[in-house]
Protein backbone atom coordinates (compact mmCIF):
# COMPACT_ATOMS: atom_id res chain seq x y z
CA MET A 1 65.17 -24.00 -45.81
CA PHE A 2 63.87 -25.49 -42.36
CA GLY A 3 65.37 -28.75 -42.86
CA LEU A 4 62.83 -29.40 -45.78
CA GLY A 5 64.32 -30.94 -49.01
CA LEU A 6 63.27 -30.60 -52.45
CA THR A 7 60.77 -33.83 -52.15
CA GLU A 8 59.00 -32.25 -49.17
CA VAL A 9 58.67 -28.90 -50.78
CA LEU A 10 57.16 -30.45 -53.92
CA LEU A 11 54.63 -32.68 -52.11
CA VAL A 12 53.53 -29.60 -50.02
CA PHE A 13 53.19 -27.59 -53.44
CA PHE A 14 51.17 -30.26 -54.99
CA ALA A 15 48.90 -30.66 -51.94
CA ILE A 16 48.31 -27.00 -51.99
CA VAL A 17 47.50 -27.36 -55.66
CA ILE A 18 45.22 -30.22 -55.27
CA PHE A 19 43.40 -29.06 -52.12
CA ILE A 20 42.89 -25.22 -53.08
CA ARG A 21 40.79 -24.54 -55.91
CA PRO A 22 42.56 -22.70 -58.78
CA GLN A 23 40.30 -19.63 -58.39
CA ASP A 24 41.46 -19.22 -54.81
CA PHE A 25 45.13 -19.90 -55.45
CA PRO A 26 46.26 -16.25 -56.48
CA ALA A 27 44.52 -14.73 -53.22
CA LEU A 28 46.38 -17.53 -51.31
CA VAL A 29 49.68 -16.46 -52.71
CA LYS A 30 49.04 -12.80 -52.22
CA SER A 31 48.13 -13.34 -48.56
CA VAL A 32 51.38 -15.45 -48.04
CA GLY A 33 53.44 -12.73 -49.54
CA LYS A 34 51.96 -10.14 -47.45
CA LEU A 35 52.49 -12.13 -44.20
CA TYR A 36 55.94 -12.83 -45.47
CA GLY A 37 56.70 -9.13 -45.99
CA LYS A 38 55.18 -8.37 -42.53
CA TRP A 39 57.44 -10.81 -40.92
CA GLN A 40 60.45 -9.59 -42.72
CA ARG A 41 59.89 -5.90 -41.67
CA MET A 42 59.28 -6.93 -38.08
CA TYR A 43 62.65 -9.10 -38.21
CA TYR A 44 64.59 -6.14 -39.65
CA GLY A 45 63.07 -3.95 -37.33
CA VAL A 46 64.37 -5.94 -34.30
CA VAL A 47 67.59 -6.35 -35.87
CA ASN A 48 67.92 -2.73 -36.44
CA ASP A 49 66.91 -1.93 -32.70
CA LEU A 50 69.73 -4.34 -31.34
CA TYR A 51 72.28 -2.70 -33.50
CA ALA A 52 70.98 0.68 -32.03
CA LEU A 53 71.49 -0.89 -28.56
CA ALA A 54 74.73 -2.53 -29.06
CA PRO A 55 77.98 -0.25 -28.76
CA ASP A 56 79.72 0.38 -31.83
CA ASP A 57 82.95 -1.82 -32.19
CA ALA A 58 84.98 1.00 -33.76
CA GLU A 59 83.98 3.42 -30.93
CA ALA A 60 84.73 0.65 -28.34
CA LYS A 61 88.21 0.28 -29.80
CA ARG A 62 89.25 4.06 -29.82
CA GLU A 63 87.92 4.28 -26.23
CA ALA A 64 89.92 1.19 -25.06
CA PRO A 65 93.44 2.71 -25.56
CA GLN A 66 92.43 5.97 -24.29
CA GLN A 67 91.33 4.40 -21.00
CA THR A 68 94.56 2.54 -20.49
CA VAL A 69 96.59 5.76 -21.32
CA GLN A 70 94.53 7.46 -18.39
CA ARG A 71 94.97 4.83 -16.20
CA GLU A 72 98.88 4.89 -16.55
CA LYS A 73 98.78 8.79 -16.01
CA GLU A 74 96.94 8.69 -12.85
């Protein structure tokens, strides 16, 4: 996870618990969750767009033998 070990993650968690008031902690977790969900939707949107732009491998494999056969006939 981003090159962080368990010690660093626990240190960050305890720093957040110390510096954030207990009343504000649920709102902080909710906003972090929303940001993570937004980032995840954007990431999968980009991945889906890239897959839509990329040629289908199965279709490319079907076309490749047909192209070689057509070249041999000509």
